[in-house]
Amino acid sequence: MAHLLIVDDDANTLASLARAFRLAGHEATVCDNAARALDLLKSQPFDMMLSDVVMPGKDGLALLEELRGQGISLPVVMISGQANIEMAVRATRLGAIDFLEKPLSTDKLLLTVDNVLKLKRLEEENRDLRQRVGKHEIVHAGEAMRRVMAQVDRVAASEARVCILGETGTGKELVARALHERSPRRGGPFVTLNCAAVPGELIESELFGHEKGSFTGAAARHIGKFEQAHHGTLFLDEIGDMPLVMQAKLLRVLEEGQVERVGGDRAITVDVRAIVATHRNLDELVKKGAFRQDLYHRVYVFPLQLPPLRERAGDIPALVGHFAAQIADQNGWKAKPFEPQAIEELQRYSWPGNVRELRNVVERLLLLTDGPVDRAAVSLALPPGADRESAPAGGPHPGGPLAERVNGFEREQILGELKRHNQRMTDTARALGLERSHLYKKCQALGIDLRALRKAPEA
């Protein structure tokens, strides 16, 4: 469905065109003069405009010229009953996509509109692709993220709702984008909303849209995120922070597949795959009554746990290289290599801000250094008093026989997964790709006292 603006001083033409477009599934707004059309274009978005050329006062060509002068960009088709070559050439030079003569054939008109909208979508997709090349790449080298991406590949082709879990900065939106790009919906839009960043009183309007005048400040119609994501994917980040009242309304939309704009009087059918994410423990929120249990069961179909950066330090060299090249390219800087000791120092840091913090530090290092990035530069770039006493899992390990190093690495991995899953053996075994009985044997062989871990107080 497209929203079209039709400008013509003839009431019969306006009525017949509006009826034809509405029957074809489009939304049509009509006006009978250029000045009113200009006001409408300034106050609300349209996908396309059809304008008569000869009108009292300001004609269609003058309207087109003023639009270009004010930077208002949208596809325009000019129509006229007094067409000539000179008029058509001038309209084309002013940016009109097509020029149609009256009387208009409905079939030809609808075909022209469809072709213009397809061209508009292609231009938007190409622009989006140029902006996204390399920007949303998921860089990894270790086993932890390989397991995550294998799960992404498995669930992407389905319509199953995915709940992405992980600390802030672990790349939840990147994984949501990967799910979209690998799904049958990849040709549709990918729309995001951070539920924690929108005030509670505005989140309904952001999700479902609103009609003009529906509340104070609603100067124009607003299309909500669900409508924007039609035939695509809607990513709801930090869903654990959504107000309870909105949770009930979101549940209804997920169940019925219909939204109603604030101040609207009709239901709008939407075809959207919802992917949600949170850094909070939804189980605990349900127990506390802060998250609806029925919504939990709707969105928690396929949980996808992202490991924090401190548990995937083996990925840091690849991430540093990726970020350094990306930042240098964006700023027109010369690429700078990172010395091995600098990488080791980065691997020893605990990264409370995860991958997002790493990118910020890499940018800081590129600004601070004139030559290769060394250990001293890293020490200056990391926060004062940063804890780098112990190497994280996947990072450098002390010397010793190979068997001891392997055992140490396995012990760290198991302890980390046990802590992440609150000592639940079934969940830990699944995360590690082991049978539950095999995990018990591993713990016994590595000297991990499970009873002591369960009795240990929370840090």
Protein backbone atom coordinates (compact mmCIF):
# COMPACT_ATOMS: atom_id res chain seq x y z
CA MET A 1 0.00 0.00 0.00
CA ALA A 2 1.28 3.45 -0.97
CA HIS A 3 0.13 6.86 0.22
CA LEU A 4 -0.48 9.07 -2.84
CA LEU A 5 -1.13 12.81 -3.08
CA ILE A 6 -3.35 13.86 -6.04
CA VAL A 7 -3.45 17.55 -7.03
CA ASP A 8 -6.02 18.75 -9.58
CA ASP A 9 -8.48 21.64 -9.77
CA ASP A 10 -11.18 19.39 -11.24
CA ALA A 11 -13.35 17.76 -8.56
CA ASN A 12 -14.48 14.91 -10.84
CA THR A 13 -10.89 13.99 -11.70
CA LEU A 14 -9.94 13.97 -8.01
CA ALA A 15 -12.91 11.74 -7.13
CA SER A 16 -12.31 9.22 -9.92
CA LEU A 17 -8.56 8.97 -9.34
CA ALA A 18 -8.97 8.59 -5.57
CA ARG A 19 -11.57 5.84 -6.08
CA ALA A 20 -9.32 3.97 -8.56
CA PHE A 21 -6.31 4.08 -6.26
CA ARG A 22 -8.28 3.02 -3.19
CA LEU A 23 -9.77 0.07 -5.07
CA ALA A 24 -6.21 -0.94 -6.00
CA GLY A 25 -5.25 -0.96 -2.30
CA HIS A 26 -3.54 2.43 -2.07
CA GLU A 27 -4.30 5.37 0.19
CA ALA A 28 -5.11 8.64 -1.57
CA THR A 29 -5.17 12.23 -0.30
CA VAL A 30 -6.60 14.85 -2.66
CA CYS A 31 -6.35 18.65 -2.92
CA ASP A 32 -7.38 21.18 -5.57
CA ASN A 33 -4.52 23.70 -5.55
CA ALA A 34 -0.71 23.86 -5.45
CA ALA A 35 -0.48 25.91 -2.24
CA ARG A 36 -2.48 23.33 -0.26
CA ALA A 37 -0.40 20.53 -1.81
CA LEU A 38 2.80 22.21 -0.62
CA ASP A 39 1.43 22.47 2.94
CA LEU A 40 0.46 18.77 2.91
CA LEU A 41 3.90 17.70 1.66
CA LYS A 42 5.57 19.67 4.45
CA SER A 43 3.35 18.17 7.16
CA GLN A 44 3.29 14.45 6.30
CA PRO A 45 5.13 11.87 4.19
CA PHE A 46 3.81 10.69 0.82
CA ASP A 47 5.17 7.93 -1.40
CA MET A 48 4.28 9.72 -4.64
CA MET A 49 2.48 12.75 -6.09
CA LEU A 50 0.32 13.08 -9.21
CA SER A 51 -0.27 16.68 -10.22
CA ASP A 52 -2.18 18.43 -12.97
CA VAL A 53 -0.14 21.02 -14.87
CA VAL A 54 -2.72 23.71 -15.68
CA MET A 55 -4.36 25.02 -12.49
CA PRO A 56 -5.54 28.47 -11.33
CA GLY A 57 -2.87 30.42 -9.44
CA LYS A 58 0.32 28.39 -9.14
CA ASP A 59 0.44 25.68 -11.81
CA GLY A 60 1.83 22.16 -11.51
CA LEU A 61 5.23 23.03 -12.99
CA ALA A 62 5.67 25.92 -10.55
CA LEU A 63 4.72 23.52 -7.71
CA LEU A 64 7.32 21.01 -8.91
CA GLU A 65 9.97 23.75 -9.11
CA GLU A 66 9.18 24.93 -5.57
CA LEU A 67 9.38 21.36 -4.21
CA ARG A 68 12.87 20.94 -5.63
CA GLY A 69 13.89 24.34 -4.28
CA GLN A 70 12.77 23.42 -0.75
CA GLY A 71 14.47 20.01 -0.84
CA ILE A 72 11.22 18.00 -0.75
CA SER A 73 11.98 14.80 -2.63
CA LEU A 74 9.40 12.29 -3.83
CA PRO A 75 8.45 10.71 -7.19
CA VAL A 76 6.15 12.97 -9.22
CA VAL A 77 3.99 12.16 -12.27
CA MET A 78 2.53 15.14 -14.13
CA ILE A 79 -0.87 14.94 -15.91
CA SER A 80 -2.45 17.41 -18.33
CA GLY A 81 -5.23 17.77 -20.90
CA GLN A 82 -3.28 20.49 -22.71
CA ALA A 83 0.04 18.67 -23.12
CA ASN A 84 2.73 19.61 -25.58
CA ILE A 85 6.35 18.63 -26.13
CA GLU A 86 7.74 21.79 -24.52
CA MET A 87 5.66 21.24 -21.38
CA ALA A 88 6.74 17.59 -21.08
CA VAL A 89 10.42 18.47 -21.54
CA ARG A 90 10.26 21.17 -18.86
CA ALA A 91 8.50 18.82 -16.42
CA THR A 92 11.18 16.17 -16.98
CA ARG A 93 13.97 18.68 -16.43
CA LEU A 94 12.35 19.70 -13.15
CA GLY A 95 12.46 16.06 -12.01
CA ALA A 96 9.09 14.58 -13.01
CA ILE A 97 9.34 10.82 -13.58
CA ASP A 98 6.54 10.64 -16.16
CA PHE A 99 4.04 12.82 -18.02
CA LEU A 100 0.53 11.50 -18.80
CA GLU A 101 -2.13 13.02 -21.06
CA LYS A 102 -5.84 13.32 -20.22
CA PRO A 103 -8.21 11.57 -20.57
CA LEU A 104 -6.44 9.05 -18.36
CA SER A 105 -6.67 5.29 -18.82
CA THR A 106 -7.10 3.70 -15.37
CA ASP A 107 -5.05 0.63 -16.32
CA LYS A 108 -2.21 2.74 -17.70
CA LEU A 109 -2.30 5.03 -14.67
CA LEU A 110 -2.12 2.13 -12.18
CA LEU A 111 0.72 0.53 -14.17
CA THR A 112 2.64 3.82 -14.14
CA VAL A 113 2.19 4.15 -10.38
CA ASP A 114 3.31 0.55 -9.78
CA ASN A 115 6.42 1.07 -11.92
CA VAL A 116 7.29 4.33 -10.14
CA LEU A 117 6.89 2.71 -6.71
CA LYS A 118 9.04 -0.27 -7.75
CA LEU A 119 11.77 2.12 -8.93
CA LYS A 120 11.54 4.03 -5.64
CA ARG A 121 11.91 0.81 -3.65
CA LEU A 122 14.92 -0.29 -5.72
CA GLU A 123 16.64 3.06 -5.15
CA GLU A 124 15.99 2.82 -1.41
CA GLU A 125 17.28 -0.76 -1.28
CA ASN A 126 20.44 0.14 -3.19
CA ARG A 127 21.07 3.11 -0.91
CA ASP A 128 20.50 0.93 2.13
CA LEU A 129 22.83 -1.78 0.82
CA ARG A 130 25.61 0.74 0.17
CA GLN A 131 25.31 2.00 3.73
CA ARG A 132 25.21 -1.49 5.22
CA VAL A 133 28.18 -3.08 3.43
CA GLY A 134 30.55 -4.12 6.23
CA LYS A 135 28.66 -2.07 8.83
CA HIS A 136 26.58 -4.96 10.16
CA GLU A 137 29.08 -7.79 9.67
CA ILE A 138 29.35 -10.23 12.58
CA VAL A 139 33.09 -10.83 13.07
CA HIS A 140 34.12 -13.92 15.01
CA ALA A 141 36.83 -16.57 15.08
CA GLY A 142 36.05 -18.66 18.17
CA GLU A 143 33.76 -21.56 18.95
CA ALA A 144 31.31 -19.56 21.11
CA MET A 145 30.08 -17.34 18.29
CA ARG A 146 30.28 -20.17 15.77
CA ARG A 147 27.67 -21.99 17.86
CA VAL A 148 25.51 -18.86 17.96
CA MET A 149 25.69 -18.37 14.19
CA ALA A 150 24.85 -22.04 13.62
CA GLN A 151 21.67 -21.47 15.65
CA VAL A 152 20.96 -18.31 13.61
CA ASP A 153 21.21 -20.33 10.39
CA ARG A 154 18.89 -22.99 11.81
CA VAL A 155 16.09 -20.68 12.95
CA ALA A 156 16.34 -17.89 10.34
CA ALA A 157 14.38 -19.73 7.64
CA SER A 158 11.41 -20.29 9.96
CA GLU A 159 8.80 -17.85 11.28
CA ALA A 160 9.64 -18.78 14.89
CA ARG A 161 9.92 -15.84 17.27
CA VAL A 162 13.44 -15.42 18.59
CA CYS A 163 14.40 -13.90 21.94
CA ILE A 164 18.03 -12.71 21.90
CA LEU A 165 19.61 -12.63 25.36
CA GLY A 166 22.87 -11.00 26.30
CA GLU A 167 24.59 -8.17 28.10
CA THR A 168 24.52 -4.65 26.72
CA GLY A 169 26.94 -4.25 23.83
CA THR A 170 27.16 -7.92 22.83
CA GLY A 171 25.66 -7.32 19.38
CA LYS A 172 22.01 -8.27 19.79
CA GLU A 173 20.86 -5.99 16.96
CA LEU A 174 23.54 -7.40 14.64
CA VAL A 175 22.26 -10.92 15.30
CA ALA A 176 18.67 -9.78 14.72
CA ARG A 177 19.75 -8.30 11.37
CA ALA A 178 21.49 -11.57 10.50
CA LEU A 179 18.26 -13.46 11.23
CA HIS A 180 16.39 -11.08 8.91
CA GLU A 181 18.98 -11.21 6.11
CA ARG A 182 18.99 -15.03 6.14
CA SER A 183 15.21 -15.35 6.21
CA PRO A 184 12.61 -15.41 3.40
CA ARG A 185 11.73 -11.85 4.54
CA ARG A 186 15.14 -10.41 3.58
CA GLY A 187 13.52 -8.48 0.69
CA GLY A 188 11.29 -6.63 3.18
CA PRO A 189 12.17 -3.90 5.69
CA PHE A 190 14.11 -4.39 8.92
CA VAL A 191 12.72 -1.97 11.52
CA THR A 192 14.03 -1.45 15.06
CA LEU A 193 12.67 0.04 18.27
CA ASN A 194 14.53 0.30 21.58
CA CYS A 195 11.77 -0.03 24.18
CA ALA A 196 14.00 1.44 26.90
CA ALA A 197 14.72 4.59 24.88
CA VAL A 198 11.09 5.63 24.27
CA PRO A 199 9.03 7.28 27.07
CA GLY A 200 6.15 5.10 28.26
CA GLU A 201 3.50 7.56 27.08
CA LEU A 202 4.88 7.58 23.51
CA ILE A 203 5.67 3.92 22.92
CA GLU A 204 2.13 3.08 21.73
CA SER A 205 2.35 5.77 19.06
CA GLU A 206 5.82 4.56 18.03
CA LEU A 207 4.66 0.96 17.66
CA PHE A 208 1.18 1.42 16.19
CA GLY A 209 1.26 4.97 14.77
CA HIS A 210 -1.27 7.77 15.26
CA GLU A 211 -3.70 9.89 13.28
CA LYS A 212 -3.40 13.63 12.92
CA GLY A 213 -4.94 15.44 15.92
CA SER A 214 -5.24 12.28 18.02
CA PHE A 215 -3.36 13.97 20.89
CA THR A 216 -1.63 17.26 21.65
CA GLY A 217 1.35 17.60 19.34
CA ALA A 218 0.07 15.11 16.75
CA ALA A 219 0.35 17.60 13.87
CA ALA A 220 0.42 14.89 11.20
CA ARG A 221 -0.32 11.22 10.69
CA HIS A 222 2.51 8.95 11.90
CA ILE A 223 3.01 5.41 10.58
CA GLY A 224 4.07 3.08 13.41
CA LYS A 225 6.87 0.53 13.48
CA PHE A 226 4.54 -2.42 12.81
CA GLU A 227 3.21 -0.86 9.60
CA GLN A 228 6.73 0.16 8.58
CA ALA A 229 7.85 -3.47 9.00
CA HIS A 230 5.02 -4.95 6.88
CA HIS A 231 6.33 -8.06 5.05
CA GLY A 232 9.58 -7.72 6.99
CA THR A 233 11.03 -7.95 10.49
CA LEU A 234 10.45 -5.80 13.59
CA PHE A 235 13.24 -5.90 16.18
CA LEU A 236 12.10 -4.88 19.68
CA ASP A 237 15.24 -4.28 21.73
CA GLU A 238 15.13 -4.24 25.55
CA ILE A 239 11.61 -5.64 25.64
CA GLY A 240 12.05 -6.27 29.37
CA ASP A 241 11.72 -2.50 29.89
CA MET A 242 8.35 -2.21 28.13
CA PRO A 243 5.54 -0.93 30.44
CA LEU A 244 2.99 -3.56 31.48
CA VAL A 245 0.10 -1.71 29.82
CA MET A 246 1.93 -1.79 26.48
CA GLN A 247 2.81 -5.46 26.96
CA ALA A 248 -0.90 -6.30 26.87
CA LYS A 249 -1.41 -4.33 23.64
CA LEU A 250 1.69 -5.88 22.05
CA LEU A 251 0.40 -9.35 22.93
CA ARG A 252 -2.89 -8.63 21.16
CA VAL A 253 -1.10 -7.49 17.99
CA LEU A 254 1.15 -10.57 17.99
CA GLU A 255 -1.89 -12.81 18.36
CA GLU A 256 -4.19 -11.08 15.84
CA GLY A 257 -1.73 -9.61 13.33
CA GLN A 258 -3.61 -6.28 13.32
CA VAL A 259 -2.82 -2.80 14.64
CA GLU A 260 -4.96 0.26 15.19
CA ARG A 261 -3.36 3.68 15.10
CA VAL A 262 -3.88 5.94 18.11
CA GLY A 263 -6.97 7.98 17.26
CA GLY A 264 -7.83 5.63 14.39
CA ASP A 265 -11.10 3.80 13.83
CA ARG A 266 -10.03 0.79 11.74
CA ALA A 267 -7.80 -2.24 12.15
CA ILE A 268 -4.82 -2.52 9.81
CA THR A 269 -3.52 -6.00 8.97
CA VAL A 270 0.27 -6.37 9.25
CA ASP A 271 2.51 -9.27 8.26
CA VAL A 272 5.53 -8.94 10.56
CA ARG A 273 8.04 -11.30 12.15
CA ALA A 274 8.86 -10.01 15.63
CA ILE A 275 12.34 -10.57 17.11
CA VAL A 276 12.92 -9.36 20.65
CA ALA A 277 16.00 -8.88 22.81
CA THR A 278 16.85 -8.03 26.40
CA HIS A 279 19.79 -7.89 28.79
CA ARG A 280 17.44 -8.66 31.69
CA ASN A 281 16.32 -12.02 33.11
CA LEU A 282 12.77 -12.42 31.81
CA ASP A 283 12.12 -15.42 34.08
CA GLU A 284 12.77 -13.24 37.14
CA LEU A 285 10.68 -10.39 35.73
CA VAL A 286 7.74 -12.78 35.24
CA LYS A 287 8.07 -14.01 38.84
CA LYS A 288 8.09 -10.40 40.09
CA GLY A 289 5.03 -9.51 38.01
CA ALA A 290 7.02 -7.00 35.92
CA PHE A 291 6.58 -8.98 32.68
CA ARG A 292 3.41 -10.70 31.49
CA GLN A 293 3.65 -14.48 31.48
CA ASP A 294 1.43 -14.81 28.39
CA LEU A 295 3.67 -12.38 26.45
CA TYR A 296 6.74 -14.25 27.71
CA HIS A 297 5.44 -17.47 26.16
CA ARG A 298 4.71 -15.62 22.90
CA VAL A 299 8.19 -14.15 22.44
CA TYR A 300 10.38 -16.73 24.22
CA VAL A 301 9.98 -19.43 21.56
CA PHE A 302 13.64 -19.75 20.55
CA PRO A 303 16.07 -18.17 23.06
CA LEU A 304 19.46 -17.21 21.63
CA GLN A 305 22.14 -16.46 24.26
CA LEU A 306 25.03 -14.20 23.19
CA PRO A 307 28.30 -14.65 25.12
CA PRO A 308 29.95 -11.55 26.61
CA LEU A 309 33.28 -10.48 25.12
CA ARG A 310 35.22 -11.63 28.20
CA GLU A 311 34.16 -15.20 27.29
CA ARG A 312 35.25 -14.89 23.66
CA ALA A 313 38.59 -13.12 23.93
CA GLY A 314 39.85 -15.27 21.06
CA ASP A 315 37.68 -13.11 18.77
CA ILE A 316 39.40 -9.88 19.83
CA PRO A 317 42.22 -9.92 17.22
CA ALA A 318 39.70 -10.28 14.36
CA LEU A 319 37.38 -7.65 15.89
CA VAL A 320 40.24 -5.18 16.35
CA GLY A 321 41.32 -5.60 12.73
CA HIS A 322 37.75 -5.17 11.49
CA PHE A 323 37.07 -2.05 13.58
CA ALA A 324 40.44 -0.47 12.78
CA ALA A 325 39.89 -0.84 9.03
CA GLN A 326 36.28 0.36 9.27
CA ILE A 327 37.12 3.45 11.36
CA ALA A 328 40.12 4.37 9.21
CA ASP A 329 38.00 4.10 6.06
CA GLN A 330 35.18 6.22 7.52
CA ASN A 331 37.57 9.01 8.54
CA GLY A 332 39.98 8.82 5.64
CA TRP A 333 42.85 7.81 7.94
CA LYS A 334 45.82 5.63 7.12
CA ALA A 335 45.50 2.10 8.50
CA LYS A 336 47.60 1.40 11.62
CA PRO A 337 48.76 -2.08 12.69
CA PHE A 338 48.36 -3.38 16.26
CA GLU A 339 51.44 -4.98 17.81
CA PRO A 340 50.97 -8.50 19.31
CA GLN A 341 51.57 -7.17 22.84
CA ALA A 342 48.82 -4.60 22.34
CA ILE A 343 46.37 -7.34 21.31
CA GLU A 344 47.36 -9.41 24.37
CA GLU A 345 46.71 -6.41 26.60
CA LEU A 346 43.26 -5.95 25.06
CA GLN A 347 42.53 -9.66 25.59
CA ARG A 348 43.35 -9.37 29.29
CA TYR A 349 40.77 -6.65 29.91
CA SER A 350 37.32 -7.72 31.24
CA TRP A 351 35.24 -5.57 28.78
CA PRO A 352 32.14 -4.70 30.84
CA GLY A 353 30.82 -2.80 27.79
CA ASN A 354 31.51 -5.77 25.50
CA VAL A 355 32.00 -5.36 21.72
CA ARG A 356 30.63 -1.81 21.74
CA GLU A 357 33.27 -0.77 24.26
CA LEU A 358 36.00 -2.49 22.22
CA ARG A 359 35.08 -0.47 19.14
CA ASN A 360 35.24 2.76 21.14
CA VAL A 361 38.69 1.83 22.49
CA VAL A 362 39.98 0.99 18.99
CA GLU A 363 38.81 4.40 17.75
CA ARG A 364 40.51 6.06 20.75
CA LEU A 365 43.74 4.20 19.99
CA LEU A 366 43.72 5.27 16.34
CA LEU A 367 43.34 8.88 17.50
CA LEU A 368 46.08 8.60 20.15
CA THR A 369 48.82 6.95 18.10
CA ASP A 370 50.90 8.12 15.16
CA GLY A 371 52.42 4.74 14.31
CA PRO A 372 51.75 1.09 15.20
CA VAL A 373 49.56 0.64 18.29
CA ASP A 374 51.63 -0.78 21.17
CA ARG A 375 50.98 -1.99 24.73
CA ALA A 376 51.64 1.44 26.25
CA ALA A 377 48.99 3.03 24.03
CA VAL A 378 46.47 0.39 25.07
CA SER A 379 47.18 1.05 28.78
CA LEU A 380 46.45 4.74 28.20
CA ALA A 381 43.30 4.06 26.19
CA LEU A 382 41.65 1.68 28.67
CA PRO A 383 39.73 3.16 31.65
CA PRO A 384 41.87 4.12 34.68
CA GLY A 385 42.15 1.22 37.12
CA ALA A 386 40.84 -1.25 34.56
CA ASP A 387 41.05 -4.84 35.83
CA ARG A 388 43.56 -6.75 33.72
CA GLU A 389 44.86 -9.11 36.39
CA SER A 390 43.36 -12.34 35.05
CA ALA A 391 42.98 -13.41 31.46
CA PRO A 392 39.40 -14.12 30.34
CA ALA A 393 38.30 -17.42 28.91
CA GLY A 394 39.65 -17.77 25.43
CA GLY A 395 42.54 -15.38 26.17
CA PRO A 396 46.22 -16.00 27.04
CA HIS A 397 46.89 -18.83 29.48
CA PRO A 398 49.93 -19.45 31.70
CA GLY A 399 52.66 -21.79 30.55
CA GLY A 400 52.93 -25.46 31.43
CA PRO A 401 52.42 -28.83 29.77
CA LEU A 402 49.85 -28.89 26.97
CA ALA A 403 47.49 -31.19 28.92
CA GLU A 404 47.43 -28.71 31.84
CA ARG A 405 46.67 -25.83 29.50
CA VAL A 406 43.83 -27.76 27.85
CA ASN A 407 42.36 -28.74 31.23
CA GLY A 408 42.61 -25.14 32.42
CA PHE A 409 40.82 -23.89 29.34
CA GLU A 410 38.02 -26.48 29.67
CA ARG A 411 37.61 -25.69 33.37
CA GLU A 412 37.25 -21.96 32.63
CA GLN A 413 34.71 -22.61 29.89
CA ILE A 414 32.57 -24.90 32.06
CA LEU A 415 32.69 -22.58 35.09
CA GLY A 416 31.73 -19.64 32.90
CA GLU A 417 28.74 -21.46 31.40
CA LEU A 418 27.62 -22.76 34.81
CA LYS A 419 27.64 -19.23 36.19
CA ARG A 420 25.80 -17.88 33.13
CA HIS A 421 23.07 -20.53 33.50
CA ASN A 422 22.77 -20.29 37.33
CA GLN A 423 24.30 -23.77 37.85
CA ARG A 424 21.57 -25.43 35.74
CA MET A 425 23.28 -28.52 34.34
CA THR A 426 20.82 -29.17 31.50
CA ASP A 427 21.15 -25.63 30.11
CA THR A 428 24.93 -25.66 30.60
CA ALA A 429 25.31 -29.00 28.81
CA ARG A 430 23.19 -27.73 25.89
CA ALA A 431 25.27 -24.55 25.61
CA LEU A 432 28.49 -26.58 25.54
CA GLY A 433 27.14 -29.16 23.12
CA LEU A 434 27.58 -32.03 25.63
CA GLU A 435 25.40 -34.79 27.00
CA ARG A 436 24.36 -34.06 30.59
CA SER A 437 26.08 -37.20 31.86
CA HIS A 438 29.27 -36.27 29.97
CA LEU A 439 29.25 -32.83 31.62
CA TYR A 440 29.04 -34.41 35.10
CA LYS A 441 32.03 -36.62 34.27
CA LYS A 442 33.97 -33.62 32.94
CA CYS A 443 33.33 -31.64 36.13
CA GLN A 444 34.48 -34.56 38.27
CA ALA A 445 37.65 -35.02 36.18
CA LEU A 446 38.50 -31.30 36.33
CA GLY A 447 37.89 -31.00 40.08
CA ILE A 448 34.79 -28.79 39.81
CA ASP A 449 32.73 -29.15 43.02
CA LEU A 450 29.14 -28.66 41.86
CA ARG A 451 27.68 -28.78 45.39
CA ALA A 452 30.02 -26.05 46.55
CA LEU A 453 29.11 -23.91 43.54
CA ARG A 454 25.39 -24.21 44.30
CA LYS A 455 25.92 -23.23 47.96
CA ALA A 456 28.22 -20.30 47.09
CA PRO A 457 26.59 -16.90 47.72
CA GLU A 458 25.98 -14.55 44.81
CA ALA A 459 28.84 -12.11 44.23
